[in-house]
């Protein structure tokens, strides 16, 4: 499971917050 965030002028961007884990 990951996240999509809407950025004005760009659309939906994919961001995987699990990658911020120190041991991902």
PDBML (XML) file of the C-alpha atoms, coordinates in Angstrom:
<?xml version="1.0" encoding="UTF-8" ?>
<PDBx:datablock datablockName="MODEL"
   xmlns:PDBx="http://pdbml.pdb.org/schema/pdbx-v50.xsd"
   xmlns:xsi="http://www.w3.org/2001/XMLSchema-instance"
   xsi:schemaLocation="http://pdbml.pdb.org/schema/pdbx-v50.xsd pdbx-v50.xsd">
   <PDBx:atom_siteCategory>
      <PDBx:atom_site id="1">
         <PDBx:B_iso_or_equiv>0.00</PDBx:B_iso_or_equiv>
         <PDBx:Cartn_x>0.000</PDBx:Cartn_x>
         <PDBx:Cartn_y>0.000</PDBx:Cartn_y>
         <PDBx:Cartn_z>0.000</PDBx:Cartn_z>
         <PDBx:auth_asym_id>A</PDBx:auth_asym_id>
         <PDBx:auth_atom_id>CA</PDBx:auth_atom_id>
         <PDBx:auth_comp_id>UNK</PDBx:auth_comp_id>
         <PDBx:auth_seq_id>1</PDBx:auth_seq_id>
         <PDBx:group_PDB>ATOM</PDBx:group_PDB>
         <PDBx:label_alt_id xsi:nil="true" />
         <PDBx:label_asym_id>A</PDBx:label_asym_id>
         <PDBx:label_atom_id>CA</PDBx:label_atom_id>
         <PDBx:label_comp_id>UNK</PDBx:label_comp_id>
         <PDBx:label_entity_id>1</PDBx:label_entity_id>
         <PDBx:label_seq_id>1</PDBx:label_seq_id>
         <PDBx:occupancy>1.00</PDBx:occupancy>
         <PDBx:pdbx_PDB_model_num>1</PDBx:pdbx_PDB_model_num>
         <PDBx:type_symbol>C</PDBx:type_symbol>
      </PDBx:atom_site>
      <PDBx:atom_site id="2">
         <PDBx:B_iso_or_equiv>0.00</PDBx:B_iso_or_equiv>
         <PDBx:Cartn_x>1.315</PDBx:Cartn_x>
         <PDBx:Cartn_y>3.442</PDBx:Cartn_y>
         <PDBx:Cartn_z>-0.892</PDBx:Cartn_z>
         <PDBx:auth_asym_id>A</PDBx:auth_asym_id>
         <PDBx:auth_atom_id>CA</PDBx:auth_atom_id>
         <PDBx:auth_comp_id>UNK</PDBx:auth_comp_id>
         <PDBx:auth_seq_id>2</PDBx:auth_seq_id>
         <PDBx:group_PDB>ATOM</PDBx:group_PDB>
         <PDBx:label_alt_id xsi:nil="true" />
         <PDBx:label_asym_id>A</PDBx:label_asym_id>
         <PDBx:label_atom_id>CA</PDBx:label_atom_id>
         <PDBx:label_comp_id>UNK</PDBx:label_comp_id>
         <PDBx:label_entity_id>1</PDBx:label_entity_id>
         <PDBx:label_seq_id>2</PDBx:label_seq_id>
         <PDBx:occupancy>1.00</PDBx:occupancy>
         <PDBx:pdbx_PDB_model_num>1</PDBx:pdbx_PDB_model_num>
         <PDBx:type_symbol>C</PDBx:type_symbol>
      </PDBx:atom_site>
      <PDBx:atom_site id="3">
         <PDBx:B_iso_or_equiv>0.00</PDBx:B_iso_or_equiv>
         <PDBx:Cartn_x>0.060</PDBx:Cartn_x>
         <PDBx:Cartn_y>7.007</PDBx:Cartn_y>
         <PDBx:Cartn_z>-1.407</PDBx:Cartn_z>
         <PDBx:auth_asym_id>A</PDBx:auth_asym_id>
         <PDBx:auth_atom_id>CA</PDBx:auth_atom_id>
         <PDBx:auth_comp_id>UNK</PDBx:auth_comp_id>
         <PDBx:auth_seq_id>3</PDBx:auth_seq_id>
         <PDBx:group_PDB>ATOM</PDBx:group_PDB>
         <PDBx:label_alt_id xsi:nil="true" />
         <PDBx:label_asym_id>A</PDBx:label_asym_id>
         <PDBx:label_atom_id>CA</PDBx:label_atom_id>
         <PDBx:label_comp_id>UNK</PDBx:label_comp_id>
         <PDBx:label_entity_id>1</PDBx:label_entity_id>
         <PDBx:label_seq_id>3</PDBx:label_seq_id>
         <PDBx:occupancy>1.00</PDBx:occupancy>
         <PDBx:pdbx_PDB_model_num>1</PDBx:pdbx_PDB_model_num>
         <PDBx:type_symbol>C</PDBx:type_symbol>
      </PDBx:atom_site>
      <PDBx:atom_site id="4">
         <PDBx:B_iso_or_equiv>0.00</PDBx:B_iso_or_equiv>
         <PDBx:Cartn_x>-0.793</PDBx:Cartn_x>
         <PDBx:Cartn_y>9.334</PDBx:Cartn_y>
         <PDBx:Cartn_z>-4.275</PDBx:Cartn_z>
         <PDBx:auth_asym_id>A</PDBx:auth_asym_id>
         <PDBx:auth_atom_id>CA</PDBx:auth_atom_id>
         <PDBx:auth_comp_id>UNK</PDBx:auth_comp_id>
         <PDBx:auth_seq_id>4</PDBx:auth_seq_id>
         <PDBx:group_PDB>ATOM</PDBx:group_PDB>
         <PDBx:label_alt_id xsi:nil="true" />
         <PDBx:label_asym_id>A</PDBx:label_asym_id>
         <PDBx:label_atom_id>CA</PDBx:label_atom_id>
         <PDBx:label_comp_id>UNK</PDBx:label_comp_id>
         <PDBx:label_entity_id>1</PDBx:label_entity_id>
         <PDBx:label_seq_id>4</PDBx:label_seq_id>
         <PDBx:occupancy>1.00</PDBx:occupancy>
         <PDBx:pdbx_PDB_model_num>1</PDBx:pdbx_PDB_model_num>
         <PDBx:type_symbol>C</PDBx:type_symbol>
      </PDBx:atom_site>
      <PDBx:atom_site id="5">
         <PDBx:B_iso_or_equiv>0.00</PDBx:B_iso_or_equiv>
         <PDBx:Cartn_x>-0.741</PDBx:Cartn_x>
         <PDBx:Cartn_y>13.091</PDBx:Cartn_y>
         <PDBx:Cartn_z>-3.664</PDBx:Cartn_z>
         <PDBx:auth_asym_id>A</PDBx:auth_asym_id>
         <PDBx:auth_atom_id>CA</PDBx:auth_atom_id>
         <PDBx:auth_comp_id>UNK</PDBx:auth_comp_id>
         <PDBx:auth_seq_id>5</PDBx:auth_seq_id>
         <PDBx:group_PDB>ATOM</PDBx:group_PDB>
         <PDBx:label_alt_id xsi:nil="true" />
         <PDBx:label_asym_id>A</PDBx:label_asym_id>
         <PDBx:label_atom_id>CA</PDBx:label_atom_id>
         <PDBx:label_comp_id>UNK</PDBx:label_comp_id>
         <PDBx:label_entity_id>1</PDBx:label_entity_id>
         <PDBx:label_seq_id>5</PDBx:label_seq_id>
         <PDBx:occupancy>1.00</PDBx:occupancy>
         <PDBx:pdbx_PDB_model_num>1</PDBx:pdbx_PDB_model_num>
         <PDBx:type_symbol>C</PDBx:type_symbol>
      </PDBx:atom_site>
      <PDBx:atom_site id="6">
         <PDBx:B_iso_or_equiv>0.00</PDBx:B_iso_or_equiv>
         <PDBx:Cartn_x>-2.216</PDBx:Cartn_x>
         <PDBx:Cartn_y>15.756</PDBx:Cartn_y>
         <PDBx:Cartn_z>-5.934</PDBx:Cartn_z>
         <PDBx:auth_asym_id>A</PDBx:auth_asym_id>
         <PDBx:auth_atom_id>CA</PDBx:auth_atom_id>
         <PDBx:auth_comp_id>UNK</PDBx:auth_comp_id>
         <PDBx:auth_seq_id>6</PDBx:auth_seq_id>
         <PDBx:group_PDB>ATOM</PDBx:group_PDB>
         <PDBx:label_alt_id xsi:nil="true" />
         <PDBx:label_asym_id>A</PDBx:label_asym_id>
         <PDBx:label_atom_id>CA</PDBx:label_atom_id>
         <PDBx:label_comp_id>UNK</PDBx:label_comp_id>
         <PDBx:label_entity_id>1</PDBx:label_entity_id>
         <PDBx:label_seq_id>6</PDBx:label_seq_id>
         <PDBx:occupancy>1.00</PDBx:occupancy>
         <PDBx:pdbx_PDB_model_num>1</PDBx:pdbx_PDB_model_num>
         <PDBx:type_symbol>C</PDBx:type_symbol>
      </PDBx:atom_site>
      <PDBx:atom_site id="7">
         <PDBx:B_iso_or_equiv>0.00</PDBx:B_iso_or_equiv>
         <PDBx:Cartn_x>0.165</PDBx:Cartn_x>
         <PDBx:Cartn_y>18.577</PDBx:Cartn_y>
         <PDBx:Cartn_z>-6.856</PDBx:Cartn_z>
         <PDBx:auth_asym_id>A</PDBx:auth_asym_id>
         <PDBx:auth_atom_id>CA</PDBx:auth_atom_id>
         <PDBx:auth_comp_id>UNK</PDBx:auth_comp_id>
         <PDBx:auth_seq_id>7</PDBx:auth_seq_id>
         <PDBx:group_PDB>ATOM</PDBx:group_PDB>
         <PDBx:label_alt_id xsi:nil="true" />
         <PDBx:label_asym_id>A</PDBx:label_asym_id>
         <PDBx:label_atom_id>CA</PDBx:label_atom_id>
         <PDBx:label_comp_id>UNK</PDBx:label_comp_id>
         <PDBx:label_entity_id>1</PDBx:label_entity_id>
         <PDBx:label_seq_id>7</PDBx:label_seq_id>
         <PDBx:occupancy>1.00</PDBx:occupancy>
         <PDBx:pdbx_PDB_model_num>1</PDBx:pdbx_PDB_model_num>
         <PDBx:type_symbol>C</PDBx:type_symbol>
      </PDBx:atom_site>
      <PDBx:atom_site id="8">
         <PDBx:B_iso_or_equiv>0.00</PDBx:B_iso_or_equiv>
         <PDBx:Cartn_x>-1.347</PDBx:Cartn_x>
         <PDBx:Cartn_y>21.519</PDBx:Cartn_y>
         <PDBx:Cartn_z>-8.712</PDBx:Cartn_z>
         <PDBx:auth_asym_id>A</PDBx:auth_asym_id>
         <PDBx:auth_atom_id>CA</PDBx:auth_atom_id>
         <PDBx:auth_comp_id>UNK</PDBx:auth_comp_id>
         <PDBx:auth_seq_id>8</PDBx:auth_seq_id>
         <PDBx:group_PDB>ATOM</PDBx:group_PDB>
         <PDBx:label_alt_id xsi:nil="true" />
         <PDBx:label_asym_id>A</PDBx:label_asym_id>
         <PDBx:label_atom_id>CA</PDBx:label_atom_id>
         <PDBx:label_comp_id>UNK</PDBx:label_comp_id>
         <PDBx:label_entity_id>1</PDBx:label_entity_id>
         <PDBx:label_seq_id>8</PDBx:label_seq_id>
         <PDBx:occupancy>1.00</PDBx:occupancy>
         <PDBx:pdbx_PDB_model_num>1</PDBx:pdbx_PDB_model_num>
         <PDBx:type_symbol>C</PDBx:type_symbol>
      </PDBx:atom_site>
      <PDBx:atom_site id="9">
         <PDBx:B_iso_or_equiv>0.00</PDBx:B_iso_or_equiv>
         <PDBx:Cartn_x>-0.073</PDBx:Cartn_x>
         <PDBx:Cartn_y>21.606</PDBx:Cartn_y>
         <PDBx:Cartn_z>-12.274</PDBx:Cartn_z>
         <PDBx:auth_asym_id>A</PDBx:auth_asym_id>
         <PDBx:auth_atom_id>CA</PDBx:auth_atom_id>
         <PDBx:auth_comp_id>UNK</PDBx:auth_comp_id>
         <PDBx:auth_seq_id>9</PDBx:auth_seq_id>
         <PDBx:group_PDB>ATOM</PDBx:group_PDB>
         <PDBx:label_alt_id xsi:nil="true" />
         <PDBx:label_asym_id>A</PDBx:label_asym_id>
         <PDBx:label_atom_id>CA</PDBx:label_atom_id>
         <PDBx:label_comp_id>UNK</PDBx:label_comp_id>
         <PDBx:label_entity_id>1</PDBx:label_entity_id>
         <PDBx:label_seq_id>9</PDBx:label_seq_id>
         <PDBx:occupancy>1.00</PDBx:occupancy>
         <PDBx:pdbx_PDB_model_num>1</PDBx:pdbx_PDB_model_num>
         <PDBx:type_symbol>C</PDBx:type_symbol>
      </PDBx:atom_site>
      <PDBx:atom_site id="10">
         <PDBx:B_iso_or_equiv>0.00</PDBx:B_iso_or_equiv>
         <PDBx:Cartn_x>1.347</PDBx:Cartn_x>
         <PDBx:Cartn_y>18.076</PDBx:Cartn_y>
         <PDBx:Cartn_z>-12.099</PDBx:Cartn_z>
         <PDBx:auth_asym_id>A</PDBx:auth_asym_id>
         <PDBx:auth_atom_id>CA</PDBx:auth_atom_id>
         <PDBx:auth_comp_id>UNK</PDBx:auth_comp_id>
         <PDBx:auth_seq_id>10</PDBx:auth_seq_id>
         <PDBx:group_PDB>ATOM</PDBx:group_PDB>
         <PDBx:label_alt_id xsi:nil="true" />
         <PDBx:label_asym_id>A</PDBx:label_asym_id>
         <PDBx:label_atom_id>CA</PDBx:label_atom_id>
         <PDBx:label_comp_id>UNK</PDBx:label_comp_id>
         <PDBx:label_entity_id>1</PDBx:label_entity_id>
         <PDBx:label_seq_id>10</PDBx:label_seq_id>
         <PDBx:occupancy>1.00</PDBx:occupancy>
         <PDBx:pdbx_PDB_model_num>1</PDBx:pdbx_PDB_model_num>
         <PDBx:type_symbol>C</PDBx:type_symbol>
      </PDBx:atom_site>
      <PDBx:atom_site id="11">
         <PDBx:B_iso_or_equiv>0.00</PDBx:B_iso_or_equiv>
         <PDBx:Cartn_x>-1.531</PDBx:Cartn_x>
         <PDBx:Cartn_y>15.759</PDBx:Cartn_y>
         <PDBx:Cartn_z>-11.208</PDBx:Cartn_z>
         <PDBx:auth_asym_id>A</PDBx:auth_asym_id>
         <PDBx:auth_atom_id>CA</PDBx:auth_atom_id>
         <PDBx:auth_comp_id>UNK</PDBx:auth_comp_id>
         <PDBx:auth_seq_id>11</PDBx:auth_seq_id>
         <PDBx:group_PDB>ATOM</PDBx:group_PDB>
         <PDBx:label_alt_id xsi:nil="true" />
         <PDBx:label_asym_id>A</PDBx:label_asym_id>
         <PDBx:label_atom_id>CA</PDBx:label_atom_id>
         <PDBx:label_comp_id>UNK</PDBx:label_comp_id>
         <PDBx:label_entity_id>1</PDBx:label_entity_id>
         <PDBx:label_seq_id>11</PDBx:label_seq_id>
         <PDBx:occupancy>1.00</PDBx:occupancy>
         <PDBx:pdbx_PDB_model_num>1</PDBx:pdbx_PDB_model_num>
         <PDBx:type_symbol>C</PDBx:type_symbol>
      </PDBx:atom_site>
      <PDBx:atom_site id="12">
         <PDBx:B_iso_or_equiv>0.00</PDBx:B_iso_or_equiv>
         <PDBx:Cartn_x>-1.391</PDBx:Cartn_x>
         <PDBx:Cartn_y>12.701</PDBx:Cartn_y>
         <PDBx:Cartn_z>-8.972</PDBx:Cartn_z>
         <PDBx:auth_asym_id>A</PDBx:auth_asym_id>
         <PDBx:auth_atom_id>CA</PDBx:auth_atom_id>
         <PDBx:auth_comp_id>UNK</PDBx:auth_comp_id>
         <PDBx:auth_seq_id>12</PDBx:auth_seq_id>
         <PDBx:group_PDB>ATOM</PDBx:group_PDB>
         <PDBx:label_alt_id xsi:nil="true" />
         <PDBx:label_asym_id>A</PDBx:label_asym_id>
         <PDBx:label_atom_id>CA</PDBx:label_atom_id>
         <PDBx:label_comp_id>UNK</PDBx:label_comp_id>
         <PDBx:label_entity_id>1</PDBx:label_entity_id>
         <PDBx:label_seq_id>12</PDBx:label_seq_id>
         <PDBx:occupancy>1.00</PDBx:occupancy>
         <PDBx:pdbx_PDB_model_num>1</PDBx:pdbx_PDB_model_num>
         <PDBx:type_symbol>C</PDBx:type_symbol>
      </PDBx:atom_site>
      <PDBx:atom_site id="13">
         <PDBx:B_iso_or_equiv>0.00</PDBx:B_iso_or_equiv>
         <PDBx:Cartn_x>2.160</PDBx:Cartn_x>
         <PDBx:Cartn_y>11.814</PDBx:Cartn_y>
         <PDBx:Cartn_z>-7.912</PDBx:Cartn_z>
         <PDBx:auth_asym_id>A</PDBx:auth_asym_id>
         <PDBx:auth_atom_id>CA</PDBx:auth_atom_id>
         <PDBx:auth_comp_id>UNK</PDBx:auth_comp_id>
         <PDBx:auth_seq_id>13</PDBx:auth_seq_id>
         <PDBx:group_PDB>ATOM</PDBx:group_PDB>
         <PDBx:label_alt_id xsi:nil="true" />
         <PDBx:label_asym_id>A</PDBx:label_asym_id>
         <PDBx:label_atom_id>CA</PDBx:label_atom_id>
         <PDBx:label_comp_id>UNK</PDBx:label_comp_id>
         <PDBx:label_entity_id>1</PDBx:label_entity_id>
         <PDBx:label_seq_id>13</PDBx:label_seq_id>
         <PDBx:occupancy>1.00</PDBx:occupancy>
         <PDBx:pdbx_PDB_model_num>1</PDBx:pdbx_PDB_model_num>
         <PDBx:type_symbol>C</PDBx:type_symbol>
      </PDBx:atom_site>
      <PDBx:atom_site id="14">
         <PDBx:B_iso_or_equiv>0.00</PDBx:B_iso_or_equiv>
         <PDBx:Cartn_x>3.174</PDBx:Cartn_x>
         <PDBx:Cartn_y>8.469</PDBx:Cartn_y>
         <PDBx:Cartn_z>-6.446</PDBx:Cartn_z>
         <PDBx:auth_asym_id>A</PDBx:auth_asym_id>
         <PDBx:auth_atom_id>CA</PDBx:auth_atom_id>
         <PDBx:auth_comp_id>UNK</PDBx:auth_comp_id>
         <PDBx:auth_seq_id>14</PDBx:auth_seq_id>
         <PDBx:group_PDB>ATOM</PDBx:group_PDB>
         <PDBx:label_alt_id xsi:nil="true" />
         <PDBx:label_asym_id>A</PDBx:label_asym_id>
         <PDBx:label_atom_id>CA</PDBx:label_atom_id>
         <PDBx:label_comp_id>UNK</PDBx:label_comp_id>
         <PDBx:label_entity_id>1</PDBx:label_entity_id>
         <PDBx:label_seq_id>14</PDBx:label_seq_id>
         <PDBx:occupancy>1.00</PDBx:occupancy>
         <PDBx:pdbx_PDB_model_num>1</PDBx:pdbx_PDB_model_num>
         <PDBx:type_symbol>C</PDBx:type_symbol>
      </PDBx:atom_site>
      <PDBx:atom_site id="15">
         <PDBx:B_iso_or_equiv>0.00</PDBx:B_iso_or_equiv>
         <PDBx:Cartn_x>4.870</PDBx:Cartn_x>
         <PDBx:Cartn_y>8.539</PDBx:Cartn_y>
         <PDBx:Cartn_z>-3.044</PDBx:Cartn_z>
         <PDBx:auth_asym_id>A</PDBx:auth_asym_id>
         <PDBx:auth_atom_id>CA</PDBx:auth_atom_id>
         <PDBx:auth_comp_id>UNK</PDBx:auth_comp_id>
         <PDBx:auth_seq_id>15</PDBx:auth_seq_id>
         <PDBx:group_PDB>ATOM</PDBx:group_PDB>
         <PDBx:label_alt_id xsi:nil="true" />
         <PDBx:label_asym_id>A</PDBx:label_asym_id>
         <PDBx:label_atom_id>CA</PDBx:label_atom_id>
         <PDBx:label_comp_id>UNK</PDBx:label_comp_id>
         <PDBx:label_entity_id>1</PDBx:label_entity_id>
         <PDBx:label_seq_id>15</PDBx:label_seq_id>
         <PDBx:occupancy>1.00</PDBx:occupancy>
         <PDBx:pdbx_PDB_model_num>1</PDBx:pdbx_PDB_model_num>
         <PDBx:type_symbol>C</PDBx:type_symbol>
      </PDBx:atom_site>
      <PDBx:atom_site id="16">
         <PDBx:B_iso_or_equiv>0.00</PDBx:B_iso_or_equiv>
         <PDBx:Cartn_x>5.748</PDBx:Cartn_x>
         <PDBx:Cartn_y>5.389</PDBx:Cartn_y>
         <PDBx:Cartn_z>-1.090</PDBx:Cartn_z>
         <PDBx:auth_asym_id>A</PDBx:auth_asym_id>
         <PDBx:auth_atom_id>CA</PDBx:auth_atom_id>
         <PDBx:auth_comp_id>UNK</PDBx:auth_comp_id>
         <PDBx:auth_seq_id>16</PDBx:auth_seq_id>
         <PDBx:group_PDB>ATOM</PDBx:group_PDB>
         <PDBx:label_alt_id xsi:nil="true" />
         <PDBx:label_asym_id>A</PDBx:label_asym_id>
         <PDBx:label_atom_id>CA</PDBx:label_atom_id>
         <PDBx:label_comp_id>UNK</PDBx:label_comp_id>
         <PDBx:label_entity_id>1</PDBx:label_entity_id>
         <PDBx:label_seq_id>16</PDBx:label_seq_id>
         <PDBx:occupancy>1.00</PDBx:occupancy>
         <PDBx:pdbx_PDB_model_num>1</PDBx:pdbx_PDB_model_num>
         <PDBx:type_symbol>C</PDBx:type_symbol>
      </PDBx:atom_site>
      <PDBx:atom_site id="17">
         <PDBx:B_iso_or_equiv>0.00</PDBx:B_iso_or_equiv>
         <PDBx:Cartn_x>6.137</PDBx:Cartn_x>
         <PDBx:Cartn_y>6.507</PDBx:Cartn_y>
         <PDBx:Cartn_z>2.542</PDBx:Cartn_z>
         <PDBx:auth_asym_id>A</PDBx:auth_asym_id>
         <PDBx:auth_atom_id>CA</PDBx:auth_atom_id>
         <PDBx:auth_comp_id>UNK</PDBx:auth_comp_id>
         <PDBx:auth_seq_id>17</PDBx:auth_seq_id>
         <PDBx:group_PDB>ATOM</PDBx:group_PDB>
         <PDBx:label_alt_id xsi:nil="true" />
         <PDBx:label_asym_id>A</PDBx:label_asym_id>
         <PDBx:label_atom_id>CA</PDBx:label_atom_id>
         <PDBx:label_comp_id>UNK</PDBx:label_comp_id>
         <PDBx:label_entity_id>1</PDBx:label_entity_id>
         <PDBx:label_seq_id>17</PDBx:label_seq_id>
         <PDBx:occupancy>1.00</PDBx:occupancy>
         <PDBx:pdbx_PDB_model_num>1</PDBx:pdbx_PDB_model_num>
         <PDBx:type_symbol>C</PDBx:type_symbol>
      </PDBx:atom_site>
      <PDBx:atom_site id="18">
         <PDBx:B_iso_or_equiv>0.00</PDBx:B_iso_or_equiv>
         <PDBx:Cartn_x>7.401</PDBx:Cartn_x>
         <PDBx:Cartn_y>3.061</PDBx:Cartn_y>
         <PDBx:Cartn_z>3.550</PDBx:Cartn_z>
         <PDBx:auth_asym_id>A</PDBx:auth_asym_id>
         <PDBx:auth_atom_id>CA</PDBx:auth_atom_id>
         <PDBx:auth_comp_id>UNK</PDBx:auth_comp_id>
         <PDBx:auth_seq_id>18</PDBx:auth_seq_id>
         <PDBx:group_PDB>ATOM</PDBx:group_PDB>
         <PDBx:label_alt_id xsi:nil="true" />
         <PDBx:label_asym_id>A</PDBx:label_asym_id>
         <PDBx:label_atom_id>CA</PDBx:label_atom_id>
         <PDBx:label_comp_id>UNK</PDBx:label_comp_id>
         <PDBx:label_entity_id>1</PDBx:label_entity_id>
         <PDBx:label_seq_id>18</PDBx:label_seq_id>
         <PDBx:occupancy>1.00</PDBx:occupancy>
         <PDBx:pdbx_PDB_model_num>1</PDBx:pdbx_PDB_model_num>
         <PDBx:type_symbol>C</PDBx:type_symbol>
      </PDBx:atom_site>
      <PDBx:atom_site id="19">
         <PDBx:B_iso_or_equiv>0.00</PDBx:B_iso_or_equiv>
         <PDBx:Cartn_x>10.692</PDBx:Cartn_x>
         <PDBx:Cartn_y>4.057</PDBx:Cartn_y>
         <PDBx:Cartn_z>1.938</PDBx:Cartn_z>
         <PDBx:auth_asym_id>A</PDBx:auth_asym_id>
         <PDBx:auth_atom_id>CA</PDBx:auth_atom_id>
         <PDBx:auth_comp_id>UNK</PDBx:auth_comp_id>
         <PDBx:auth_seq_id>19</PDBx:auth_seq_id>
         <PDBx:group_PDB>ATOM</PDBx:group_PDB>
         <PDBx:label_alt_id xsi:nil="true" />
         <PDBx:label_asym_id>A</PDBx:label_asym_id>
         <PDBx:label_atom_id>CA</PDBx:label_atom_id>
         <PDBx:label_comp_id>UNK</PDBx:label_comp_id>
         <PDBx:label_entity_id>1</PDBx:label_entity_id>
         <PDBx:label_seq_id>19</PDBx:label_seq_id>
         <PDBx:occupancy>1.00</PDBx:occupancy>
         <PDBx:pdbx_PDB_model_num>1</PDBx:pdbx_PDB_model_num>
         <PDBx:type_symbol>C</PDBx:type_symbol>
      </PDBx:atom_site>
      <PDBx:atom_site id="20">
         <PDBx:B_iso_or_equiv>0.00</PDBx:B_iso_or_equiv>
         <PDBx:Cartn_x>11.277</PDBx:Cartn_x>
         <PDBx:Cartn_y>6.505</PDBx:Cartn_y>
         <PDBx:Cartn_z>4.771</PDBx:Cartn_z>
         <PDBx:auth_asym_id>A</PDBx:auth_asym_id>
         <PDBx:auth_atom_id>CA</PDBx:auth_atom_id>
         <PDBx:auth_comp_id>UNK</PDBx:auth_comp_id>
         <PDBx:auth_seq_id>20</PDBx:auth_seq_id>
         <PDBx:group_PDB>ATOM</PDBx:group_PDB>
         <PDBx:label_alt_id xsi:nil="true" />
         <PDBx:label_asym_id>A</PDBx:label_asym_id>
         <PDBx:label_atom_id>CA</PDBx:label_atom_id>
         <PDBx:label_comp_id>UNK</PDBx:label_comp_id>
         <PDBx:label_entity_id>1</PDBx:label_entity_id>
         <PDBx:label_seq_id>20</PDBx:label_seq_id>
         <PDBx:occupancy>1.00</PDBx:occupancy>
         <PDBx:pdbx_PDB_model_num>1</PDBx:pdbx_PDB_model_num>
         <PDBx:type_symbol>C</PDBx:type_symbol>
      </PDBx:atom_site>
      <PDBx:atom_site id="21">
         <PDBx:B_iso_or_equiv>0.00</PDBx:B_iso_or_equiv>
         <PDBx:Cartn_x>11.769</PDBx:Cartn_x>
         <PDBx:Cartn_y>3.552</PDBx:Cartn_y>
         <PDBx:Cartn_z>7.122</PDBx:Cartn_z>
         <PDBx:auth_asym_id>A</PDBx:auth_asym_id>
         <PDBx:auth_atom_id>CA</PDBx:auth_atom_id>
         <PDBx:auth_comp_id>UNK</PDBx:auth_comp_id>
         <PDBx:auth_seq_id>21</PDBx:auth_seq_id>
         <PDBx:group_PDB>ATOM</PDBx:group_PDB>
         <PDBx:label_alt_id xsi:nil="true" />
         <PDBx:label_asym_id>A</PDBx:label_asym_id>
         <PDBx:label_atom_id>CA</PDBx:label_atom_id>
         <PDBx:label_comp_id>UNK</PDBx:label_comp_id>
         <PDBx:label_entity_id>1</PDBx:label_entity_id>
         <PDBx:label_seq_id>21</PDBx:label_seq_id>
         <PDBx:occupancy>1.00</PDBx:occupancy>
         <PDBx:pdbx_PDB_model_num>1</PDBx:pdbx_PDB_model_num>
         <PDBx:type_symbol>C</PDBx:type_symbol>
      </PDBx:atom_site>
      <PDBx:atom_site id="22">
         <PDBx:B_iso_or_equiv>0.00</PDBx:B_iso_or_equiv>
         <PDBx:Cartn_x>15.363</PDBx:Cartn_x>
         <PDBx:Cartn_y>3.187</PDBx:Cartn_y>
         <PDBx:Cartn_z>8.250</PDBx:Cartn_z>
         <PDBx:auth_asym_id>A</PDBx:auth_asym_id>
         <PDBx:auth_atom_id>CA</PDBx:auth_atom_id>
         <PDBx:auth_comp_id>UNK</PDBx:auth_comp_id>
         <PDBx:auth_seq_id>22</PDBx:auth_seq_id>
         <PDBx:group_PDB>ATOM</PDBx:group_PDB>
         <PDBx:label_alt_id xsi:nil="true" />
         <PDBx:label_asym_id>A</PDBx:label_asym_id>
         <PDBx:label_atom_id>CA</PDBx:label_atom_id>
         <PDBx:label_comp_id>UNK</PDBx:label_comp_id>
         <PDBx:label_entity_id>1</PDBx:label_entity_id>
         <PDBx:label_seq_id>22</PDBx:label_seq_id>
         <PDBx:occupancy>1.00</PDBx:occupancy>
         <PDBx:pdbx_PDB_model_num>1</PDBx:pdbx_PDB_model_num>
         <PDBx:type_symbol>C</PDBx:type_symbol>
      </PDBx:atom_site>
      <PDBx:atom_site id="23">
         <PDBx:B_iso_or_equiv>0.00</PDBx:B_iso_or_equiv>
         <PDBx:Cartn_x>15.276</PDBx:Cartn_x>
         <PDBx:Cartn_y>-0.496</PDBx:Cartn_y>
         <PDBx:Cartn_z>7.256</PDBx:Cartn_z>
         <PDBx:auth_asym_id>A</PDBx:auth_asym_id>
         <PDBx:auth_atom_id>CA</PDBx:auth_atom_id>
         <PDBx:auth_comp_id>UNK</PDBx:auth_comp_id>
         <PDBx:auth_seq_id>23</PDBx:auth_seq_id>
         <PDBx:group_PDB>ATOM</PDBx:group_PDB>
         <PDBx:label_alt_id xsi:nil="true" />
         <PDBx:label_asym_id>A</PDBx:label_asym_id>
         <PDBx:label_atom_id>CA</PDBx:label_atom_id>
         <PDBx:label_comp_id>UNK</PDBx:label_comp_id>
         <PDBx:label_entity_id>1</PDBx:label_entity_id>
         <PDBx:label_seq_id>23</PDBx:label_seq_id>
         <PDBx:occupancy>1.00</PDBx:occupancy>
         <PDBx:pdbx_PDB_model_num>1</PDBx:pdbx_PDB_model_num>
         <PDBx:type_symbol>C</PDBx:type_symbol>
      </PDBx:atom_site>
      <PDBx:atom_site id="24">
         <PDBx:B_iso_or_equiv>0.00</PDBx:B_iso_or_equiv>
         <PDBx:Cartn_x>12.862</PDBx:Cartn_x>
         <PDBx:Cartn_y>-0.454</PDBx:Cartn_y>
         <PDBx:Cartn_z>4.321</PDBx:Cartn_z>
         <PDBx:auth_asym_id>A</PDBx:auth_asym_id>
         <PDBx:auth_atom_id>CA</PDBx:auth_atom_id>
         <PDBx:auth_comp_id>UNK</PDBx:auth_comp_id>
         <PDBx:auth_seq_id>24</PDBx:auth_seq_id>
         <PDBx:group_PDB>ATOM</PDBx:group_PDB>
         <PDBx:label_alt_id xsi:nil="true" />
         <PDBx:label_asym_id>A</PDBx:label_asym_id>
         <PDBx:label_atom_id>CA</PDBx:label_atom_id>
         <PDBx:label_comp_id>UNK</PDBx:label_comp_id>
         <PDBx:label_entity_id>1</PDBx:label_entity_id>
         <PDBx:label_seq_id>24</PDBx:label_seq_id>
         <PDBx:occupancy>1.00</PDBx:occupancy>
         <PDBx:pdbx_PDB_model_num>1</PDBx:pdbx_PDB_model_num>
         <PDBx:type_symbol>C</PDBx:type_symbol>
      </PDBx:atom_site>
   </PDBx:atom_siteCategory>
</PDBx:datablock>
